Protein backbone atom coordinates (compact mmCIF):
# COMPACT_ATOMS: atom_id res chain seq x y z
CA UNK A 1 43.47 -162.82 -129.78
CA UNK A 2 46.47 -161.69 -127.77
CA UNK A 3 45.89 -159.83 -124.71
CA UNK A 4 49.19 -157.93 -124.96
CA UNK A 5 49.17 -154.36 -125.28
CA UNK A 6 49.94 -152.70 -128.25
CA UNK A 7 53.12 -151.05 -128.35
CA UNK A 8 53.23 -147.29 -128.35
CA UNK A 9 55.55 -146.19 -131.07
CA UNK A 10 53.11 -146.36 -133.77
CA UNK A 11 51.18 -143.99 -132.02
CA UNK A 12 54.21 -141.44 -131.27
CA UNK A 13 54.99 -141.79 -134.88
CA UNK A 14 51.83 -140.83 -136.05
CA UNK A 15 51.38 -138.26 -133.36
CA UNK A 16 54.91 -136.86 -134.63
CA UNK A 17 53.79 -136.46 -138.41
CA UNK A 18 50.30 -134.87 -137.27
CA UNK A 19 51.54 -132.16 -135.28
CA UNK A 20 54.58 -131.34 -136.79
CA UNK A 21 53.10 -128.74 -138.85
CA UNK A 22 52.08 -126.74 -136.02
CA UNK A 23 55.82 -126.91 -134.75
CA UNK A 24 57.05 -125.55 -137.90
CA UNK A 25 54.65 -122.75 -138.16
CA UNK A 26 57.03 -119.92 -137.70
CA UNK A 27 59.11 -121.02 -140.76
CA UNK A 28 55.82 -121.74 -142.67
CA UNK A 29 54.43 -118.36 -142.12
CA UNK A 30 57.96 -116.55 -142.34
CA UNK A 31 58.73 -118.11 -146.08
CA UNK A 32 55.08 -117.72 -147.47
CA UNK A 33 55.41 -113.81 -146.41
CA UNK A 34 59.25 -113.63 -147.82
CA UNK A 35 58.80 -115.79 -151.06
CA UNK A 36 55.37 -115.06 -152.31
CA UNK A 37 55.03 -111.51 -151.46
CA UNK A 38 52.64 -111.78 -148.70
CA UNK A 39 52.06 -109.41 -146.09
CA UNK A 40 52.44 -110.62 -142.45
CA UNK A 41 48.89 -110.80 -141.89
CA UNK A 42 48.15 -112.86 -145.27
CA UNK A 43 51.04 -115.09 -144.52
CA UNK A 44 49.53 -115.78 -140.66
CA UNK A 45 45.81 -116.18 -142.30
CA UNK A 46 47.22 -119.20 -144.54
CA UNK A 47 48.90 -120.56 -141.44
CA UNK A 48 45.47 -120.20 -139.56
CA UNK A 49 44.05 -122.03 -142.54
CA UNK A 50 46.00 -124.65 -141.92
CA UNK A 51 45.47 -125.39 -138.13
CA UNK A 52 41.84 -124.61 -138.63
CA UNK A 53 41.40 -127.32 -141.27
CA UNK A 54 43.34 -129.58 -138.96
CA UNK A 55 40.84 -128.82 -135.99
CA UNK A 56 37.90 -129.49 -138.22
CA UNK A 57 39.33 -133.05 -138.80
CA UNK A 58 39.56 -133.63 -135.27
CA UNK A 59 35.80 -132.69 -134.59
CA UNK A 60 34.72 -134.75 -137.19
CA UNK A 61 36.60 -137.71 -136.10
CA UNK A 62 35.93 -137.29 -132.38
CA UNK A 63 34.07 -140.45 -131.08
CA UNK A 64 34.30 -142.58 -134.51
CA UNK A 65 37.67 -144.18 -133.82
CA UNK A 66 35.78 -146.87 -132.56
CA UNK A 67 33.43 -147.38 -135.68
CA UNK A 68 36.39 -146.63 -138.23
CA UNK A 69 39.26 -148.27 -136.45
CA UNK A 70 42.61 -146.42 -136.04
CA UNK A 71 44.64 -147.79 -139.22
CA UNK A 72 42.05 -146.66 -141.90
CA UNK A 73 41.78 -142.89 -140.67
CA UNK A 74 45.70 -142.59 -139.90
CA UNK A 75 46.53 -143.90 -143.36
CA UNK A 76 43.91 -141.41 -145.06
CA UNK A 77 45.35 -138.92 -143.04
CA UNK A 78 48.92 -139.34 -143.59
CA UNK A 79 48.26 -139.76 -147.47
CA UNK A 80 46.43 -136.52 -147.59
CA UNK A 81 48.87 -134.78 -145.73
CA UNK A 82 51.67 -135.89 -147.91
CA UNK A 83 49.55 -135.06 -151.04
CA UNK A 84 48.63 -131.52 -149.64
CA UNK A 85 51.70 -130.22 -148.43
CA UNK A 86 53.67 -131.93 -151.32
CA UNK A 87 51.16 -129.73 -153.62
CA UNK A 88 51.98 -126.72 -151.66
CA UNK A 89 55.93 -127.13 -152.23
CA UNK A 90 55.65 -127.71 -156.08
CA UNK A 91 53.51 -124.76 -156.97
CA UNK A 92 53.99 -120.68 -156.45
CA UNK A 93 50.31 -120.30 -157.35
CA UNK A 94 48.78 -118.91 -154.27
CA UNK A 95 45.33 -120.85 -154.94
CA UNK A 96 47.10 -123.97 -155.46
CA UNK A 97 49.17 -123.28 -152.03
CA UNK A 98 46.11 -122.49 -150.21
CA UNK A 99 44.38 -125.66 -151.70
CA UNK A 100 47.36 -127.74 -150.59
CA UNK A 101 47.84 -126.33 -146.96
CA UNK A 102 44.01 -126.76 -146.26
CA UNK A 103 44.26 -130.52 -147.74
CA UNK A 104 47.70 -131.12 -145.51
CA UNK A 105 46.06 -129.60 -142.60
CA UNK A 106 42.91 -131.74 -142.54
CA UNK A 107 45.21 -135.02 -143.20
CA UNK A 108 47.49 -133.80 -140.07
CA UNK A 109 44.25 -133.20 -138.22
CA UNK A 110 43.13 -136.54 -139.01
CA UNK A 111 46.14 -138.23 -137.97
CA UNK A 112 46.65 -136.31 -134.61
CA UNK A 113 43.10 -137.83 -133.77
CA UNK A 114 43.81 -141.14 -134.35
CA UNK A 115 46.88 -140.76 -132.28
CA UNK A 116 44.87 -138.89 -129.26
CA UNK A 117 42.24 -141.66 -129.20
CA UNK A 118 44.74 -144.16 -129.22
CA UNK A 119 46.79 -142.26 -126.35
CA UNK A 120 43.87 -141.73 -124.26
CA UNK A 121 43.03 -145.38 -124.45
CA UNK A 122 46.62 -146.63 -122.96
CA UNK A 123 47.21 -147.30 -119.00
CA UNK A 124 49.41 -144.34 -119.06
CA UNK A 125 48.44 -141.45 -121.37
CA UNK A 126 50.69 -138.99 -119.87
CA UNK A 127 53.92 -141.02 -120.26
CA UNK A 128 52.87 -141.64 -124.02
CA UNK A 129 51.81 -138.30 -124.58
CA UNK A 130 55.21 -136.89 -123.39
CA UNK A 131 56.93 -139.29 -125.73
CA UNK A 132 54.90 -137.96 -128.64
CA UNK A 133 56.00 -134.42 -128.03
CA UNK A 134 59.54 -135.57 -127.25
CA UNK A 135 59.41 -136.89 -130.75
CA UNK A 136 57.73 -134.03 -132.59
CA UNK A 137 60.41 -131.53 -130.73
CA UNK A 138 63.34 -133.41 -131.92
CA UNK A 139 62.15 -133.60 -135.28
CA UNK A 140 61.24 -130.06 -135.65
CA UNK A 141 64.60 -128.77 -133.88
CA UNK A 142 66.37 -130.76 -136.54
CA UNK A 143 64.54 -129.25 -139.14
CA UNK A 144 65.20 -125.96 -137.70
CA UNK A 145 68.85 -126.45 -137.40
CA UNK A 146 69.08 -127.84 -141.25
CA UNK A 147 66.24 -125.83 -143.20
CA UNK A 148 67.79 -122.23 -143.11
CA UNK A 149 71.01 -123.68 -144.34
CA UNK A 150 69.35 -125.40 -147.43
CA UNK A 151 67.17 -122.42 -148.81
CA UNK A 152 64.53 -123.56 -151.06
CA UNK A 153 61.95 -120.91 -150.36
CA UNK A 154 58.60 -122.11 -149.12
CA UNK A 155 58.90 -125.35 -150.69
CA UNK A 156 61.39 -127.13 -148.22
CA UNK A 157 59.61 -126.70 -144.98
CA UNK A 158 56.31 -127.83 -146.73
CA UNK A 159 58.40 -130.84 -148.44
CA UNK A 160 59.58 -132.12 -145.11
CA UNK A 161 56.35 -132.32 -143.51
CA UNK A 162 55.15 -134.14 -146.50
CA UNK A 163 58.09 -136.44 -146.29
CA UNK A 164 57.70 -137.24 -142.73
CA UNK A 165 54.18 -138.20 -143.19
CA UNK A 166 55.16 -140.74 -145.95
CA UNK A 167 57.96 -142.04 -143.63
CA UNK A 168 55.55 -142.48 -140.92
CA UNK A 169 52.87 -144.28 -143.19
CA UNK A 170 54.33 -147.84 -142.64
CA UNK A 171 53.93 -147.74 -139.01
CA UNK A 172 50.32 -147.63 -139.39
CA UNK A 173 50.07 -151.43 -139.89
CA UNK A 174 50.84 -152.04 -136.18
CA UNK A 175 47.58 -149.71 -135.40
CA UNK A 176 44.27 -151.34 -134.99
CA UNK A 177 42.00 -152.58 -137.70
CA UNK A 178 38.55 -151.31 -138.89
CA UNK A 179 36.86 -153.98 -136.77
CA UNK A 180 36.33 -153.50 -133.11
CA UNK A 181 38.30 -156.15 -130.74
CA UNK A 182 36.66 -159.41 -130.32
CA UNK A 183 33.57 -158.92 -132.49
CA UNK A 184 32.07 -156.58 -130.07
CA UNK A 185 29.97 -153.56 -131.26
CA UNK A 186 31.27 -150.23 -129.70
CA UNK A 187 30.01 -148.94 -126.42
CA UNK A 188 27.48 -145.94 -126.74
CA UNK A 189 27.03 -143.46 -123.98
CA UNK A 190 27.19 -139.72 -123.43
CA UNK A 191 30.15 -138.20 -122.57
CA UNK A 192 31.08 -138.53 -119.18
CA UNK A 193 32.21 -135.02 -117.03
CA UNK A 194 30.36 -132.73 -119.41
CA UNK A 195 30.71 -129.72 -117.45
CA UNK A 196 34.52 -130.30 -116.89
CA UNK A 197 35.19 -131.24 -120.49
CA UNK A 198 33.65 -128.14 -122.04
CA UNK A 199 35.71 -126.00 -119.68
CA UNK A 200 38.68 -127.76 -120.26
CA UNK A 201 38.37 -127.77 -124.36
CA UNK A 202 37.53 -123.92 -124.23
CA UNK A 203 40.38 -122.92 -121.64
CA UNK A 204 42.73 -125.11 -123.99
CA UNK A 205 41.28 -123.06 -127.15
CA UNK A 206 42.28 -119.66 -125.35
CA UNK A 207 45.57 -121.02 -124.03
CA UNK A 208 46.65 -122.56 -127.50
CA UNK A 209 45.36 -119.39 -129.33
CA UNK A 210 47.80 -117.22 -126.93
CA UNK A 211 50.72 -119.81 -127.11
CA UNK A 212 50.78 -119.51 -131.08
CA UNK A 213 50.16 -115.79 -131.52
CA UNK A 214 53.39 -115.39 -129.84
CA UNK A 215 54.99 -118.60 -131.75
CA UNK A 216 53.47 -117.46 -135.06
CA UNK A 217 55.24 -114.16 -134.97
CA UNK A 218 58.68 -115.30 -133.08
CA UNK A 219 60.79 -115.41 -136.12
CA UNK A 220 59.56 -111.85 -137.08
CA UNK A 221 60.48 -110.72 -133.47
CA UNK A 222 63.93 -112.37 -133.74
CA UNK A 223 64.32 -110.67 -137.66
CA UNK A 224 62.82 -107.40 -137.23
CA UNK A 225 62.94 -106.30 -133.35
CA UNK A 226 66.20 -108.02 -132.34
CA UNK A 227 67.95 -108.00 -135.84
CA UNK A 228 69.16 -111.32 -136.23
CA UNK A 229 69.73 -113.55 -139.28
CA UNK A 230 67.51 -116.47 -140.43
CA UNK A 231 70.52 -118.64 -139.18
CA UNK A 232 70.37 -117.08 -135.74
CA UNK A 233 66.99 -117.23 -135.09
CA UNK A 234 66.62 -120.99 -136.34
CA UNK A 235 69.67 -121.53 -133.87
CA UNK A 236 67.44 -119.88 -131.00
CA UNK A 237 64.66 -122.36 -132.03
CA UNK A 238 66.53 -125.51 -132.18
CA UNK A 239 68.03 -124.57 -128.88
CA UNK A 240 64.76 -123.67 -127.56
CA UNK A 241 63.27 -127.01 -128.65
CA UNK A 242 66.14 -128.81 -127.28
CA UNK A 243 65.31 -127.29 -124.00
CA UNK A 244 61.80 -128.37 -124.41
CA UNK A 245 63.37 -131.95 -124.76
CA UNK A 246 64.54 -131.74 -121.40
CA UNK A 247 61.47 -130.21 -119.88
CA UNK A 248 59.68 -133.18 -121.54
CA UNK A 249 62.02 -135.88 -119.90
CA UNK A 250 61.38 -134.29 -116.74
CA UNK A 251 58.05 -134.21 -117.04
CA UNK A 252 57.96 -138.02 -118.03
CA UNK A 253 60.00 -138.83 -114.77
CA UNK A 254 57.82 -136.96 -112.55
CA UNK A 255 54.76 -138.22 -113.87
CA UNK A 256 51.54 -137.72 -111.77
CA UNK A 257 53.43 -137.58 -108.30
CA UNK A 258 52.24 -133.89 -108.25
CA UNK A 259 48.95 -134.23 -109.51
CA UNK A 260 48.15 -132.13 -112.72
CA UNK A 261 46.86 -129.00 -111.21
CA UNK A 262 50.26 -127.88 -109.83
CA UNK A 263 52.16 -128.43 -112.89
CA UNK A 264 49.33 -126.67 -114.86
CA UNK A 265 49.50 -123.77 -112.76
CA UNK A 266 52.85 -123.04 -112.13
CA UNK A 267 54.07 -123.81 -115.69
CA UNK A 268 51.10 -121.50 -117.16
CA UNK A 269 52.37 -118.73 -114.74
CA UNK A 270 56.18 -119.23 -116.19
CA UNK A 271 54.88 -119.21 -119.58
CA UNK A 272 53.16 -116.00 -119.44
CA UNK A 273 56.36 -114.44 -118.23
CA UNK A 274 58.48 -115.86 -120.83
CA UNK A 275 56.03 -114.63 -123.27
CA UNK A 276 56.56 -111.20 -121.76
CA UNK A 277 60.12 -111.43 -121.88
CA UNK A 278 60.48 -112.76 -125.56
CA UNK A 279 58.31 -110.28 -127.05
CA UNK A 280 59.73 -107.15 -125.40
CA UNK A 281 63.32 -108.66 -126.38
CA UNK A 282 65.96 -105.83 -127.60
CA UNK A 283 68.70 -108.17 -127.74
CA UNK A 284 69.79 -112.03 -128.35
CA UNK A 285 70.08 -113.04 -124.98
CA UNK A 286 66.53 -111.96 -123.56
CA UNK A 287 65.10 -112.91 -126.74
CA UNK A 288 67.00 -116.60 -126.26
CA UNK A 289 66.10 -116.60 -122.76
CA UNK A 290 62.11 -115.90 -123.36
CA UNK A 291 62.10 -118.53 -126.15
CA UNK A 292 64.04 -121.06 -124.24
CA UNK A 293 61.71 -120.63 -121.13
CA UNK A 294 58.60 -120.74 -122.70
CA UNK A 295 59.68 -123.95 -124.96
CA UNK A 296 60.70 -125.52 -122.00
CA UNK A 297 57.43 -125.23 -120.04
CA UNK A 298 54.75 -124.94 -122.98
CA UNK A 299 55.13 -128.67 -123.89
CA UNK A 300 55.27 -129.93 -120.29
CA UNK A 301 52.08 -128.05 -119.54
CA UNK A 302 50.57 -129.66 -122.69
CA UNK A 303 51.15 -132.85 -121.93
CA UNK A 304 49.54 -132.80 -118.66
CA UNK A 305 46.59 -131.22 -120.29
CA UNK A 306 46.60 -133.92 -122.94
CA UNK A 307 46.65 -136.27 -120.00
CA UNK A 308 43.71 -134.38 -118.26
CA UNK A 309 41.63 -134.62 -121.28
CA UNK A 310 42.38 -138.20 -121.57
CA UNK A 311 41.29 -139.10 -117.94
CA UNK A 312 37.74 -137.52 -118.67
CA UNK A 313 37.16 -140.13 -120.95
CA UNK A 314 38.69 -143.60 -121.37
CA UNK A 315 37.26 -143.77 -124.97
CA UNK A 316 39.51 -140.71 -125.90
CA UNK A 317 36.49 -138.63 -126.74
CA UNK A 318 37.27 -135.48 -124.78
CA UNK A 319 40.89 -136.20 -125.59
CA UNK A 320 40.22 -135.79 -129.38
CA UNK A 321 37.54 -132.95 -128.64
CA UNK A 322 39.84 -130.87 -126.44
CA UNK A 323 42.83 -131.36 -128.76
CA UNK A 324 40.61 -130.42 -131.70
CA UNK A 325 39.32 -127.09 -129.57
CA UNK A 326 43.11 -126.53 -129.02
CA UNK A 327 43.72 -126.77 -132.50
CA UNK A 328 41.05 -124.19 -133.47
CA UNK A 329 42.62 -121.78 -130.79
CA UNK A 330 45.87 -122.54 -132.57
CA UNK A 331 44.80 -121.66 -135.89
CA UNK A 332 43.61 -118.17 -134.48
CA UNK A 333 47.01 -117.78 -132.89
CA UNK A 334 49.09 -116.64 -136.28
CA UNK A 335 46.50 -114.07 -137.47
CA UNK A 336 46.01 -112.60 -133.96
CA UNK A 337 49.76 -112.47 -133.42
CA UNK A 338 50.20 -110.36 -136.99
CA UNK A 339 47.43 -108.13 -136.08
CA UNK A 340 48.06 -107.47 -132.57
CA UNK A 341 51.90 -106.88 -133.49
CA UNK A 342 50.97 -104.48 -136.28
CA UNK A 343 48.42 -102.41 -134.39
CA UNK A 344 50.28 -102.26 -131.14
CA UNK A 345 53.64 -103.40 -131.26
CA UNK A 346 55.71 -106.76 -130.07
CA UNK A 347 55.77 -105.69 -126.56
CA UNK A 348 52.04 -104.82 -125.96
CA UNK A 349 51.06 -107.96 -127.84
CA UNK A 350 52.95 -109.59 -125.38
CA UNK A 351 51.42 -108.26 -122.40
CA UNK A 352 48.05 -109.13 -123.66
CA UNK A 353 48.72 -112.46 -124.59
CA UNK A 354 50.63 -113.23 -121.20
CA UNK A 355 47.49 -111.65 -119.48
CA UNK A 356 45.09 -113.87 -121.20
CA UNK A 357 47.40 -116.98 -120.54
CA UNK A 358 47.01 -116.28 -116.75
CA UNK A 359 43.28 -115.75 -116.98
CA UNK A 360 42.62 -119.09 -118.47
CA UNK A 361 44.81 -120.94 -115.99
CA UNK A 362 42.30 -120.17 -113.21
CA UNK A 363 39.52 -122.48 -114.93
CA UNK A 364 41.79 -125.12 -116.27
CA UNK A 365 43.32 -125.49 -112.88
CA UNK A 366 39.93 -125.62 -111.44
CA UNK A 367 39.29 -128.61 -113.94
CA UNK A 368 42.22 -130.60 -112.58
CA UNK A 369 41.44 -129.91 -109.12
CA UNK A 370 38.04 -131.03 -109.55
CA UNK A 371 38.60 -134.33 -111.53
CA UNK A 372 41.99 -135.51 -110.14
CA UNK A 373 41.14 -136.45 -106.72
CA UNK A 374 37.57 -137.69 -106.76
CA UNK A 375 37.09 -140.22 -104.09
CA UNK A 376 35.32 -143.76 -104.75
CA UNK A 377 32.55 -144.13 -102.56
CA UNK A 378 31.31 -147.42 -101.10
CA UNK A 379 28.02 -148.72 -102.30
CA UNK A 380 27.80 -146.67 -105.62
CA UNK A 381 27.18 -149.72 -107.77
CA UNK A 382 25.07 -149.78 -110.71
CA UNK A 383 24.42 -153.19 -112.19
CA UNK A 384 23.18 -152.13 -115.56
CA UNK A 385 23.28 -149.10 -117.79
CA UNK A 386 26.48 -147.16 -117.51
CA UNK A 387 29.45 -146.56 -116.38
CA UNK A 388 31.13 -147.48 -113.77
CA UNK A 389 30.02 -150.75 -113.23
CA UNK A 390 31.57 -150.79 -109.79
CA UNK A 391 32.97 -148.01 -107.93
CA UNK A 392 34.83 -149.38 -104.68
CA UNK A 393 36.30 -147.59 -101.87
CA UNK A 394 39.80 -147.06 -102.07
CA UNK A 395 42.20 -147.93 -99.43
CA UNK A 396 45.44 -146.45 -98.38
CA UNK A 397 47.11 -150.24 -98.83
CA UNK A 398 45.09 -151.06 -101.84
CA UNK A 399 46.80 -152.33 -105.06
CA UNK A 400 47.16 -149.42 -107.66
CA UNK A 401 45.03 -150.01 -110.90
CA UNK A 402 42.61 -152.37 -109.08
CA UNK A 403 39.93 -149.97 -108.77
CA UNK A 404 38.05 -148.99 -112.22
CA UNK A 405 38.65 -145.51 -113.37
CA UNK A 406 35.52 -143.20 -112.80
CA UNK A 407 33.88 -142.99 -116.11
CA UNK A 408 35.64 -146.38 -117.33
CA UNK A 409 33.04 -148.00 -119.89
CA UNK A 410 31.12 -151.21 -118.20
CA UNK A 411 32.60 -154.46 -119.66
CA UNK A 412 29.94 -156.39 -121.77
CA UNK A 413 28.66 -159.60 -119.99
CA UNK A 414 27.99 -162.51 -122.34
CA UNK A 415 25.64 -165.01 -121.77
CA UNK A 416 26.53 -168.82 -121.77
CA UNK A 417 23.89 -171.68 -121.88
CA UNK A 418 25.09 -174.86 -119.94
CA UNK A 419 23.51 -178.23 -120.80
CA UNK A 420 20.85 -179.47 -117.80
CA UNK A 421 23.35 -182.23 -116.89
CA UNK A 422 26.06 -179.60 -116.20
CA UNK A 423 23.63 -177.38 -114.49
CA UNK A 424 22.70 -180.18 -111.95
CA UNK A 425 26.21 -181.16 -111.25
CA UNK A 426 27.14 -177.38 -110.96
CA UNK A 427 24.32 -177.03 -108.26
CA UNK A 428 25.22 -180.16 -106.45
CA UNK A 429 28.98 -179.02 -106.28
CA UNK A 430 28.15 -175.62 -104.83
CA UNK A 431 26.94 -177.57 -101.89
CA UNK A 432 29.02 -179.50 -99.25
CA UNK A 433 27.70 -181.83 -96.59
CA UNK A 434 28.95 -181.22 -92.84
CA UNK A 435 29.42 -183.57 -90.03
CA UNK A 436 26.86 -186.49 -89.15
CA UNK A 437 23.65 -184.14 -89.26
CA UNK A 438 23.53 -184.33 -92.64
CA UNK A 439 22.82 -180.59 -93.26
CA UNK A 440 24.13 -178.61 -96.20
CA UNK A 441 25.82 -175.25 -96.11
CA UNK A 442 26.23 -172.93 -99.01
């Protein structure tokens, strides 16, 4: 079996197809409300059902990627997404639309879970997650530029997501099969860093809920409060996603040079200010400034959060669980944004969401500080029964990557039977004779 690492682009493609529905949420919610005579709260509830179904797929697949492999669940998820969103696009019956949305969301969540587990297993998960977010941002930006000019009611955005899922389906042939590598059984064990992982998952749920509460009503803010047309709002969103591409490229170049805690903390502070600015906008400039600043830093912080979750477990279980918790928080976002905007107004909604974003930054940053610089202590070696197999003291002049990561699974040791004549020869070769004294040294 080849030892070359698999290419990253199939994971990036599957990640794009799985994440696209969340990126198109403002258009989906807005068109459901406008074209199917739903109230904003009802349309937000449909969007929440989509994202909650996506989160449930992630929770269902967490820790099972090694048993099922990547190719099968990815193909099933993409096919279910295409069928579900396609059904929602072809009908105006609300029960069928909701059923299609829920089925499509489950398929999107399955594809995202497979991609998240694969990204966590790569040597540089931060770089691969940056590429995935770059891809989905570019795809969503292109759709935001074209969908307002094509009409099509609620059918067009759902059809676009279904088509993307079908286009990505052939890329799954480059993913791993259903049998574990080299015929070995999957490594089983407890989740490492449980406390840090639970704090991170809970923080990502609240963080994502606050972000998507704004994102779910951003289209209505632009149309109702600022007075922009759908074409103008789409142009603002496309520009904002374009700025997000620049932010992601900068994050990819920066990598982990500043660690994870500083980008997460500083980026979250800027995001909170952007939420307040966008929600209180009364003109094109302030609305565009808030949306562009928010979309610039939101994917940057998200990719560091994904990388942080991936660093907690090399098997990708925390990456899937934290991503699913974020999807569950995202699912509550559209409904929360709709209720807050209707009850308190857009400005008060922004203040509440900005405060929640700042509060959740504290425990998440603490996790990044706690897990990002843990030293490797000499002598902490366990021969059997768990990870890590060996922890060596890190030296400043040591080679990077030479020390196993904390929490990495112990490599299985295979016993090899050696015939008796070869054993005697190996024993003799382990000794050599010195000078004339006839003594042997090991």
